């Protein structure tokens, strides 16, 4: 279950596509990598009350302010404005709407 996630509708098309469950976890939650480019992923972090990140390491496109066991289907924000801008330094400045859905 949840071995595959399809991301679609993102205004930054490089994010769209199929992600597969990766080995290991991130802060106790499963993580996924993009099938066509393993540098991209979806993973969880505990900081700031818990949130999901979508993008590359230290180069996030979208963030979901959610503490759910799995990444939320919707409710993603552009990383520059998510979490009151706390991670803006790591946000990809080209990320744009529309926001992705899973």
PDB file of N, CA and C in Angstrom:
ATOM      1  N   UNK A   1       0.826  -1.207   0.000  1.00  0.00           N
ATOM      2  CA  UNK A   1       0.000   0.000   0.000  1.00  0.00           C
ATOM      3  C   UNK A   1       0.861   1.259   0.000  1.00  0.00           C
ATOM      4  N   UNK A   2       0.392   2.271  -0.660  1.00  0.00           N
ATOM      5  CA  UNK A   2       1.094   3.548  -0.741  1.00  0.00           C
ATOM      6  C   UNK A   2       2.494   3.419  -1.311  1.00  0.00           C
ATOM      7  N   UNK A   3       2.702   2.413  -2.143  1.00  0.00           N
ATOM      8  CA  UNK A   3       4.024   2.239  -2.738  1.00  0.00           C
ATOM      9  C   UNK A   3       4.244   3.217  -3.881  1.00  0.00           C
ATOM     10  N   UNK A   4       3.153   3.829  -4.357  1.00  0.00           N
ATOM     11  CA  UNK A   4       3.258   4.746  -5.479  1.00  0.00           C
ATOM     12  C   UNK A   4       2.366   5.960  -5.234  1.00  0.00           C
ATOM     13  N   UNK A   5       2.869   7.145  -5.594  1.00  0.00           N
ATOM     14  CA  UNK A   5       2.108   8.394  -5.513  1.00  0.00           C
ATOM     15  C   UNK A   5       2.231   9.081  -6.869  1.00  0.00           C
ATOM     16  N   UNK A   6       1.117   9.584  -7.363  1.00  0.00           N
ATOM     17  CA  UNK A   6       1.126  10.379  -8.591  1.00  0.00           C
ATOM     18  C   UNK A   6       0.883  11.835  -8.199  1.00  0.00           C
ATOM     19  N   UNK A   7       1.811  12.704  -8.548  1.00  0.00           N
ATOM     20  CA  UNK A   7       1.661  14.140  -8.305  1.00  0.00           C
ATOM     21  C   UNK A   7       1.238  14.772  -9.617  1.00  0.00           C
ATOM     22  N   UNK A   8       0.185  15.585  -9.559  1.00  0.00           N
ATOM     23  CA  UNK A   8      -0.308  16.221 -10.786  1.00  0.00           C
ATOM     24  C   UNK A   8      -0.797  17.629 -10.514  1.00  0.00           C
ATOM     25  N   UNK A   9      -0.866  18.416 -11.570  1.00  0.00           N
ATOM     26  CA  UNK A   9      -1.432  19.751 -11.496  1.00  0.00           C
ATOM     27  C   UNK A   9      -0.515  20.829 -10.957  1.00  0.00           C
ATOM     28  N   UNK A  10       0.738  20.506 -10.642  1.00  0.00           N
ATOM     29  CA  UNK A  10       1.644  21.518 -10.086  1.00  0.00           C
ATOM     30  C   UNK A  10       2.012  22.550 -11.143  1.00  0.00           C
ATOM     31  N   UNK A  11       2.031  23.806 -10.742  1.00  0.00           N
ATOM     32  CA  UNK A  11       2.437  24.881 -11.639  1.00  0.00           C
ATOM     33  C   UNK A  11       3.906  24.792 -12.026  1.00  0.00           C
ATOM     34  N   UNK A  12       4.675  24.072 -11.242  1.00  0.00           N
ATOM     35  CA  UNK A  12       6.064  23.763 -11.579  1.00  0.00           C
ATOM     36  C   UNK A  12       6.072  22.328 -12.103  1.00  0.00           C
ATOM     37  N   UNK A  13       5.997  22.158 -13.441  1.00  0.00           N
ATOM     38  CA  UNK A  13       5.788  20.825 -14.020  1.00  0.00           C
ATOM     39  C   UNK A  13       6.864  19.798 -13.682  1.00  0.00           C
ATOM     40  N   UNK A  14       8.048  20.236 -13.295  1.00  0.00           N
ATOM     41  CA  UNK A  14       9.119  19.296 -12.950  1.00  0.00           C
ATOM     42  C   UNK A  14       8.725  18.429 -11.751  1.00  0.00           C
ATOM     43  N   UNK A  15       7.785  18.906 -10.946  1.00  0.00           N
ATOM     44  CA  UNK A  15       7.323  18.173  -9.758  1.00  0.00           C
ATOM     45  C   UNK A  15       6.326  17.079 -10.130  1.00  0.00           C
ATOM     46  N   UNK A  16       5.564  17.284 -11.192  1.00  0.00           N
ATOM     47  CA  UNK A  16       4.535  16.315 -11.584  1.00  0.00           C
ATOM     48  C   UNK A  16       5.160  14.989 -11.992  1.00  0.00           C
ATOM     49  N   UNK A  17       4.455  13.901 -11.698  1.00  0.00           N
ATOM     50  CA  UNK A  17       4.913  12.585 -12.121  1.00  0.00           C
ATOM     51  C   UNK A  17       4.708  11.533 -11.060  1.00  0.00           C
ATOM     52  N   UNK A  18       5.311  10.390 -11.308  1.00  0.00           N
ATOM     53  CA  UNK A  18       5.158   9.235 -10.424  1.00  0.00           C
ATOM     54  C   UNK A  18       6.306   9.172  -9.428  1.00  0.00           C
ATOM     55  N   UNK A  19       5.946   8.949  -8.179  1.00  0.00           N
ATOM     56  CA  UNK A  19       6.917   8.784  -7.098  1.00  0.00           C
ATOM     57  C   UNK A  19       6.727   7.388  -6.521  1.00  0.00           C
ATOM     58  N   UNK A  20       7.828   6.718  -6.167  1.00  0.00           N
ATOM     59  CA  UNK A  20       7.721   5.390  -5.573  1.00  0.00           C
ATOM     60  C   UNK A  20       8.308   5.393  -4.175  1.00  0.00           C
ATOM     61  N   UNK A  21       7.775   4.527  -3.344  1.00  0.00           N
ATOM     62  CA  UNK A  21       8.207   4.421  -1.942  1.00  0.00           C
ATOM     63  C   UNK A  21       9.696   4.134  -1.910  1.00  0.00           C
ATOM     64  N   UNK A  22      10.408   4.892  -1.104  1.00  0.00           N
ATOM     65  CA  UNK A  22      11.851   4.731  -0.956  1.00  0.00           C
ATOM     66  C   UNK A  22      12.141   3.896   0.289  1.00  0.00           C
ATOM     67  N   UNK A  23      13.348   3.371   0.350  1.00  0.00           N
ATOM     68  CA  UNK A  23      13.750   2.623   1.545  1.00  0.00           C
ATOM     69  C   UNK A  23      13.917   3.589   2.711  1.00  0.00           C
ATOM     70  N   UNK A  24      13.738   3.074   3.890  1.00  0.00           N
ATOM     71  CA  UNK A  24      13.897   3.898   5.071  1.00  0.00           C
ATOM     72  C   UNK A  24      12.731   4.833   5.282  1.00  0.00           C
ATOM     73  N   UNK A  25      12.963   5.814   6.156  1.00  0.00           N
ATOM     74  CA  UNK A  25      11.907   6.772   6.431  1.00  0.00           C
ATOM     75  C   UNK A  25      12.523   8.123   6.754  1.00  0.00           C
ATOM     76  N   UNK A  26      11.670   9.093   7.010  1.00  0.00           N
ATOM     77  CA  UNK A  26      12.098  10.424   7.405  1.00  0.00           C
ATOM     78  C   UNK A  26      11.285  10.825   8.628  1.00  0.00           C
ATOM     79  N   UNK A  27      11.949  10.930   9.755  1.00  0.00           N
ATOM     80  CA  UNK A  27      11.291  11.275  11.019  1.00  0.00           C
ATOM     81  C   UNK A  27      10.122  10.332  11.304  1.00  0.00           C
ATOM     82  N   UNK A  28      10.329   9.060  11.032  1.00  0.00           N
ATOM     83  CA  UNK A  28       9.334   8.042  11.355  1.00  0.00           C
ATOM     84  C   UNK A  28       8.192   7.887  10.374  1.00  0.00           C
ATOM     85  N   UNK A  29       8.256   8.580   9.235  1.00  0.00           N
ATOM     86  CA  UNK A  29       7.201   8.480   8.221  1.00  0.00           C
ATOM     87  C   UNK A  29       7.821   7.991   6.911  1.00  0.00           C
ATOM     88  N   UNK A  30       7.027   7.323   6.077  1.00  0.00           N
ATOM     89  CA  UNK A  30       7.565   6.865   4.787  1.00  0.00           C
ATOM     90  C   UNK A  30       7.972   8.037   3.900  1.00  0.00           C
ATOM     91  N   UNK A  31       8.849   7.766   2.949  1.00  0.00           N
ATOM     92  CA  UNK A  31       9.260   8.786   1.986  1.00  0.00           C
ATOM     93  C   UNK A  31       9.217   8.196   0.587  1.00  0.00           C
ATOM     94  N   UNK A  32       9.138   9.066  -0.411  1.00  0.00           N
ATOM     95  CA  UNK A  32       9.021   8.653  -1.807  1.00  0.00           C
ATOM     96  C   UNK A  32      10.046   9.406  -2.654  1.00  0.00           C
ATOM     97  N   UNK A  33      10.483   8.771  -3.754  1.00  0.00           N
ATOM     98  CA  UNK A  33      11.366   9.425  -4.720  1.00  0.00           C
ATOM     99  C   UNK A  33      10.706   9.395  -6.092  1.00  0.00           C
ATOM    100  N   UNK A  34      11.005  10.415  -6.891  1.00  0.00           N
ATOM    101  CA  UNK A  34      10.439  10.497  -8.237  1.00  0.00           C
ATOM    102  C   UNK A  34      11.086   9.438  -9.114  1.00  0.00           C
ATOM    103  N   UNK A  35      10.272   8.712  -9.848  1.00  0.00           N
ATOM    104  CA  UNK A  35      10.761   7.608 -10.673  1.00  0.00           C
ATOM    105  C   UNK A  35      11.741   8.109 -11.739  1.00  0.00           C
ATOM    106  N   UNK A  36      11.431   9.229 -12.395  1.00  0.00           N
ATOM    107  CA  UNK A  36      12.262   9.705 -13.504  1.00  0.00           C
ATOM    108  C   UNK A  36      13.421  10.593 -13.081  1.00  0.00           C
ATOM    109  N   UNK A  37      13.474  10.985 -11.808  1.00  0.00           N
ATOM    110  CA  UNK A  37      14.574  11.820 -11.319  1.00  0.00           C
ATOM    111  C   UNK A  37      14.667  11.661  -9.809  1.00  0.00           C
ATOM    112  N   UNK A  38      15.531  10.785  -9.352  1.00  0.00           N
ATOM    113  CA  UNK A  38      15.607  10.412  -7.932  1.00  0.00           C
ATOM    114  C   UNK A  38      16.050  11.559  -7.016  1.00  0.00           C
ATOM    115  N   UNK A  39      16.442  12.709  -7.595  1.00  0.00           N
ATOM    116  CA  UNK A  39      16.800  13.852  -6.760  1.00  0.00           C
ATOM    117  C   UNK A  39      15.552  14.496  -6.151  1.00  0.00           C
ATOM    118  N   UNK A  40      14.384  14.226  -6.728  1.00  0.00           N
ATOM    119  CA  UNK A  40      13.129  14.790  -6.242  1.00  0.00           C
ATOM    120  C   UNK A  40      12.433  13.794  -5.328  1.00  0.00           C
ATOM    121  N   UNK A  41      11.772  14.303  -4.312  1.00  0.00           N
ATOM    122  CA  UNK A  41      11.090  13.410  -3.394  1.00  0.00           C
ATOM    123  C   UNK A  41       9.985  14.095  -2.616  1.00  0.00           C
ATOM    124  N   UNK A  42       9.325  13.287  -1.794  1.00  0.00           N
ATOM    125  CA  UNK A  42       8.291  13.733  -0.863  1.00  0.00           C
ATOM    126  C   UNK A  42       8.662  13.119   0.481  1.00  0.00           C
ATOM    127  N   UNK A  43       8.828  13.955   1.506  1.00  0.00           N
ATOM    128  CA  UNK A  43       9.246  13.445   2.798  1.00  0.00           C
ATOM    129  C   UNK A  43       8.718  14.329   3.922  1.00  0.00           C
ATOM    130  N   UNK A  44       8.734  13.752   5.129  1.00  0.00           N
ATOM    131  CA  UNK A  44       8.177  14.395   6.321  1.00  0.00           C
ATOM    132  C   UNK A  44       9.293  14.932   7.219  1.00  0.00           C
ATOM    133  N   UNK A  45       9.000  16.040   7.894  1.00  0.00           N
ATOM    134  CA  UNK A  45       9.906  16.587   8.917  1.00  0.00           C
ATOM    135  C   UNK A  45       9.085  16.996  10.138  1.00  0.00           C
ATOM    136  N   UNK A  46       9.671  16.829  11.324  1.00  0.00           N
ATOM    137  CA  UNK A  46       8.982  17.133  12.580  1.00  0.00           C
ATOM    138  C   UNK A  46       8.961  18.621  12.925  1.00  0.00           C
ATOM    139  N   UNK A  47       9.919  19.388  12.412  1.00  0.00           N
ATOM    140  CA  UNK A  47      10.038  20.788  12.800  1.00  0.00           C
ATOM    141  C   UNK A  47       8.750  21.566  12.520  1.00  0.00           C
ATOM    142  N   UNK A  48       8.563  22.642  13.275  1.00  0.00           N
ATOM    143  CA  UNK A  48       7.420  23.548  13.079  1.00  0.00           C
ATOM    144  C   UNK A  48       6.076  22.825  13.204  1.00  0.00           C
ATOM    145  N   UNK A  49       5.994  21.855  14.096  1.00  0.00           N
ATOM    146  CA  UNK A  49       4.747  21.144  14.317  1.00  0.00           C
ATOM    147  C   UNK A  49       4.487  20.012  13.337  1.00  0.00           C
ATOM    148  N   UNK A  50       5.437  19.744  12.463  1.00  0.00           N
ATOM    149  CA  UNK A  50       5.316  18.670  11.471  1.00  0.00           C
ATOM    150  C   UNK A  50       4.846  19.184  10.126  1.00  0.00           C
ATOM    151  N   UNK A  51       5.517  18.759   9.078  1.00  0.00           N
ATOM    152  CA  UNK A  51       5.130  19.167   7.724  1.00  0.00           C
ATOM    153  C   UNK A  51       5.746  18.220   6.699  1.00  0.00           C
ATOM    154  N   UNK A  52       5.135  18.195   5.525  1.00  0.00           N
ATOM    155  CA  UNK A  52       5.617  17.395   4.396  1.00  0.00           C
ATOM    156  C   UNK A  52       6.282  18.314   3.378  1.00  0.00           C
ATOM    157  N   UNK A  53       7.391  17.865   2.803  1.00  0.00           N
ATOM    158  CA  UNK A  53       8.117  18.633   1.800  1.00  0.00           C
ATOM    159  C   UNK A  53       8.076  17.913   0.455  1.00  0.00           C
ATOM    160  N   UNK A  54       8.072  18.691  -0.607  1.00  0.00           N
ATOM    161  CA  UNK A  54       8.084  18.148  -1.960  1.00  0.00           C
ATOM    162  C   UNK A  54       9.126  18.935  -2.751  1.00  0.00           C
ATOM    163  N   UNK A  55      10.089  18.233  -3.302  1.00  0.00           N
ATOM    164  CA  UNK A  55      11.149  18.891  -4.061  1.00  0.00           C
ATOM    165  C   UNK A  55      12.459  18.147  -3.908  1.00  0.00           C
ATOM    166  N   UNK A  56      13.550  18.903  -3.799  1.00  0.00           N
ATOM    167  CA  UNK A  56      14.879  18.320  -3.627  1.00  0.00           C
ATOM    168  C   UNK A  56      15.418  18.745  -2.258  1.00  0.00           C
ATOM    169  N   UNK A  57      16.492  18.099  -1.822  1.00  0.00           N
ATOM    170  CA  UNK A  57      17.124  18.454  -0.551  1.00  0.00           C
ATOM    171  C   UNK A  57      17.539  19.924  -0.583  1.00  0.00           C
ATOM    172  N   UNK A  58      17.121  20.663   0.428  1.00  0.00           N
ATOM    173  CA  UNK A  58      17.419  22.097   0.542  1.00  0.00           C
ATOM    174  C   UNK A  58      16.985  22.901  -0.679  1.00  0.00           C
ATOM    175  N   UNK A  59      15.966  22.420  -1.374  1.00  0.00           N
ATOM    176  CA  UNK A  59      15.426  23.100  -2.549  1.00  0.00           C
ATOM    177  C   UNK A  59      13.963  22.668  -2.699  1.00  0.00           C
ATOM    178  N   UNK A  60      13.114  23.132  -1.763  1.00  0.00           N
ATOM    179  CA  UNK A  60      11.725  22.695  -1.701  1.00  0.00           C
ATOM    180  C   UNK A  60      10.852  23.525  -2.624  1.00  0.00           C
ATOM    181  N   UNK A  61       9.934  22.861  -3.292  1.00  0.00           N
ATOM    182  CA  UNK A  61       8.967  23.547  -4.149  1.00  0.00           C
ATOM    183  C   UNK A  61       7.655  23.781  -3.402  1.00  0.00           C
ATOM    184  N   UNK A  62       7.166  22.735  -2.730  1.00  0.00           N
ATOM    185  CA  UNK A  62       5.877  22.816  -2.039  1.00  0.00           C
ATOM    186  C   UNK A  62       6.002  22.197  -0.653  1.00  0.00           C
ATOM    187  N   UNK A  63       5.220  22.730   0.278  1.00  0.00           N
ATOM    188  CA  UNK A  63       5.177  22.229   1.650  1.00  0.00           C
ATOM    189  C   UNK A  63       3.715  22.102   2.068  1.00  0.00           C
ATOM    190  N   UNK A  64       3.413  21.001   2.759  1.00  0.00           N
ATOM    191  CA  UNK A  64       2.085  20.818   3.350  1.00  0.00           C
ATOM    192  C   UNK A  64       2.239  20.894   4.862  1.00  0.00           C
ATOM    193  N   UNK A  65       1.565  21.853   5.465  1.00  0.00           N
ATOM    194  CA  UNK A  65       1.625  22.025   6.914  1.00  0.00           C
ATOM    195  C   UNK A  65       0.690  21.008   7.548  1.00  0.00           C
ATOM    196  N   UNK A  66       1.170  19.784   7.635  1.00  0.00           N
ATOM    197  CA  UNK A  66       0.329  18.674   8.059  1.00  0.00           C
ATOM    198  C   UNK A  66       1.159  17.670   8.842  1.00  0.00           C
ATOM    199  N   UNK A  67       0.564  17.124   9.887  1.00  0.00           N
ATOM    200  CA  UNK A  67       1.226  16.132  10.724  1.00  0.00           C
ATOM    201  C   UNK A  67       0.650  14.737  10.465  1.00  0.00           C
ATOM    202  N   UNK A  68       0.109  14.525   9.284  1.00  0.00           N
ATOM    203  CA  UNK A  68      -0.555  13.268   8.949  1.00  0.00           C
ATOM    204  C   UNK A  68       0.464  12.142   8.748  1.00  0.00           C
ATOM    205  N   UNK A  69       0.039  10.883   8.916  1.00  0.00           N
ATOM    206  CA  UNK A  69       0.955   9.753   8.728  1.00  0.00           C
ATOM    207  C   UNK A  69       1.451   9.612   7.284  1.00  0.00           C
ATOM    208  N   UNK A  70       0.648  10.082   6.322  1.00  0.00           N
ATOM    209  CA  UNK A  70       1.017  10.044   4.907  1.00  0.00           C
ATOM    210  C   UNK A  70       0.847  11.445   4.334  1.00  0.00           C
ATOM    211  N   UNK A  71       1.522  11.753   3.214  1.00  0.00           N
ATOM    212  CA  UNK A  71       1.376  13.094   2.645  1.00  0.00           C
ATOM    213  C   UNK A  71      -0.078  13.381   2.269  1.00  0.00           C
ATOM    214  N   UNK A  72      -0.554  14.585   2.544  1.00  0.00           N
ATOM    215  CA  UNK A  72      -1.948  14.906   2.236  1.00  0.00           C
ATOM    216  C   UNK A  72      -2.196  14.993   0.732  1.00  0.00           C
ATOM    217  N   UNK A  73      -3.407  14.677   0.325  1.00  0.00           N
ATOM    218  CA  UNK A  73      -3.767  14.712  -1.091  1.00  0.00           C
ATOM    219  C   UNK A  73      -3.793  16.139  -1.626  1.00  0.00           C
ATOM    220  N   UNK A  74      -4.175  17.081  -0.779  1.00  0.00           N
ATOM    221  CA  UNK A  74      -4.176  18.489  -1.186  1.00  0.00           C
ATOM    222  C   UNK A  74      -3.837  19.342   0.019  1.00  0.00           C
ATOM    223  N   UNK A  75      -3.817  20.662  -0.179  1.00  0.00           N
ATOM    224  CA  UNK A  75      -3.454  21.551   0.918  1.00  0.00           C
ATOM    225  C   UNK A  75      -1.988  21.959   0.895  1.00  0.00           C
ATOM    226  N   UNK A  76      -1.307  21.720  -0.203  1.00  0.00           N
ATOM    227  CA  UNK A  76       0.095  22.102  -0.344  1.00  0.00           C
ATOM    228  C   UNK A  76       0.200  23.607  -0.567  1.00  0.00           C
ATOM    229  N   UNK A  77       1.317  24.190  -0.141  1.00  0.00           N
ATOM    230  CA  UNK A  77       1.579  25.614  -0.336  1.00  0.00           C
ATOM    231  C   UNK A  77       2.931  25.771  -1.033  1.00  0.00           C
ATOM    232  N   UNK A  78       3.103  26.887  -1.699  1.00  0.00           N
ATOM    233  CA  UNK A  78       4.413  27.191  -2.256  1.00  0.00           C
ATOM    234  C   UNK A  78       5.374  27.362  -1.082  1.00  0.00           C
ATOM    235  N   UNK A  79       6.546  26.764  -1.187  1.00  0.00           N
ATOM    236  CA  UNK A  79       7.474  26.698  -0.054  1.00  0.00           C
ATOM    237  C   UNK A  79       7.916  28.062   0.467  1.00  0.00           C
ATOM    238  N   UNK A  80       7.939  29.078  -0.379  1.00  0.00           N
ATOM    239  CA  UNK A  80       8.388  30.400   0.081  1.00  0.00           C
ATOM    240  C   UNK A  80       7.439  31.007   1.104  1.00  0.00           C
ATOM    241  N   UNK A  81       6.152  30.636   1.070  1.00  0.00           N
ATOM    242  CA  UNK A  81       5.175  31.225   1.989  1.00  0.00           C
ATOM    243  C   UNK A  81       4.707  30.252   3.068  1.00  0.00           C
ATOM    244  N   UNK A  82       4.969  28.967   2.907  1.00  0.00           N
ATOM    245  CA  UNK A  82       4.542  27.972   3.891  1.00  0.00           C
ATOM    246  C   UNK A  82       5.280  28.194   5.210  1.00  0.00           C
ATOM    247  N   UNK A  83       4.683  27.757   6.290  1.00  0.00           N
ATOM    248  CA  UNK A  83       5.278  27.853   7.620  1.00  0.00           C
ATOM    249  C   UNK A  83       5.722  29.286   7.931  1.00  0.00           C
ATOM    250  N   UNK A  84       4.922  30.255   7.520  1.00  0.00           N
ATOM    251  CA  UNK A  84       5.192  31.685   7.756  1.00  0.00           C
ATOM    252  C   UNK A  84       6.563  32.085   7.214  1.00  0.00           C
ATOM    253  N   UNK A  85       7.007  31.431   6.160  1.00  0.00           N
ATOM    254  CA  UNK A  85       8.276  31.787   5.526  1.00  0.00           C
ATOM    255  C   UNK A  85       9.512  31.269   6.242  1.00  0.00           C
ATOM    256  N   UNK A  86       9.335  30.411   7.245  1.00  0.00           N
ATOM    257  CA  UNK A  86      10.464  29.897   8.029  1.00  0.00           C
ATOM    258  C   UNK A  86      11.531  29.203   7.176  1.00  0.00           C
ATOM    259  N   UNK A  87      11.128  28.549   6.090  1.00  0.00           N
ATOM    260  CA  UNK A  87      12.080  27.806   5.259  1.00  0.00           C
ATOM    261  C   UNK A  87      12.336  28.502   3.927  1.00  0.00           C
ATOM    262  N   UNK A  88      12.037  29.790   3.866  1.00  0.00           N
ATOM    263  CA  UNK A  88      12.169  30.527   2.607  1.00  0.00           C
ATOM    264  C   UNK A  88      13.572  30.415   2.021  1.00  0.00           C
ATOM    265  N   UNK A  89      14.580  30.357   2.863  1.00  0.00           N
ATOM    266  CA  UNK A  89      15.962  30.280   2.384  1.00  0.00           C
ATOM    267  C   UNK A  89      16.200  28.999   1.563  1.00  0.00           C
ATOM    268  N   UNK A  90      15.427  27.958   1.846  1.00  0.00           N
ATOM    269  CA  UNK A  90      15.565  26.691   1.119  1.00  0.00           C
ATOM    270  C   UNK A  90      14.507  26.502   0.034  1.00  0.00           C
ATOM    271  N   UNK A  91      13.653  27.481  -0.147  1.00  0.00           N
ATOM    272  CA  UNK A  91      12.540  27.356  -1.095  1.00  0.00           C
ATOM    273  C   UNK A  91      12.996  27.662  -2.518  1.00  0.00           C
ATOM    274  N   UNK A  92      12.477  26.892  -3.454  1.00  0.00           N
ATOM    275  CA  UNK A  92      12.765  27.142  -4.859  1.00  0.00           C
ATOM    276  C   UNK A  92      11.960  28.359  -5.299  1.00  0.00           C
ATOM    277  N   UNK A  93      12.644  29.381  -5.742  1.00  0.00           N
ATOM    278  CA  UNK A  93      11.986  30.653  -6.066  1.00  0.00           C
ATOM    279  C   UNK A  93      11.139  30.577  -7.338  1.00  0.00           C
ATOM    280  N   UNK A  94      11.275  29.499  -8.116  1.00  0.00           N
ATOM    281  CA  UNK A  94      10.491  29.373  -9.353  1.00  0.00           C
ATOM    282  C   UNK A  94       9.191  28.605  -9.136  1.00  0.00           C
ATOM    283  N   UNK A  95       8.974  28.055  -7.945  1.00  0.00           N
ATOM    284  CA  UNK A  95       7.745  27.304  -7.671  1.00  0.00           C
ATOM    285  C   UNK A  95       6.548  28.232  -7.829  1.00  0.00           C
ATOM    286  N   UNK A  96       5.495  27.711  -8.472  1.00  0.00           N
ATOM    287  CA  UNK A  96       4.325  28.558  -8.715  1.00  0.00           C
ATOM    288  C   UNK A  96       3.039  27.754  -8.682  1.00  0.00           C
ATOM    289  N   UNK A  97       1.943  28.487  -8.638  1.00  0.00           N
ATOM    290  CA  UNK A  97       0.618  27.855  -8.667  1.00  0.00           C
ATOM    291  C   UNK A  97       0.316  27.468 -10.119  1.00  0.00           C
ATOM    292  N   UNK A  98      -0.635  26.582 -10.335  1.00  0.00           N
ATOM    293  CA  UNK A  98      -1.486  25.927  -9.337  1.00  0.00           C
ATOM    294  C   UNK A  98      -0.703  24.958  -8.454  1.00  0.00           C
ATOM    295  N   UNK A  99      -1.291  24.650  -7.311  1.00  0.00           N
ATOM    296  CA  UNK A  99      -0.655  23.770  -6.333  1.00  0.00           C
ATOM    297  C   UNK A  99      -0.899  22.306  -6.702  1.00  0.00           C
ATOM    298  N   UNK A 100       0.039  21.444  -6.348  1.00  0.00           N
ATOM    299  CA  UNK A 100      -0.099  20.026  -6.728  1.00  0.00           C
ATOM    300  C   UNK A 100      -1.150  19.290  -5.905  1.00  0.00           C
ATOM    301  N   UNK A 101      -1.647  18.211  -6.476  1.00  0.00           N
ATOM    302  CA  UNK A 101      -2.487  17.265  -5.754  1.00  0.00           C
ATOM    303  C   UNK A 101      -1.876  15.884  -5.931  1.00  0.00           C
ATOM    304  N   UNK A 102      -2.161  15.008  -4.973  1.00  0.00           N
ATOM    305  CA  UNK A 102      -1.630  13.644  -5.010  1.00  0.00           C
ATOM    306  C   UNK A 102      -2.756  12.676  -5.318  1.00  0.00           C
TER     307      UNK A 102
END
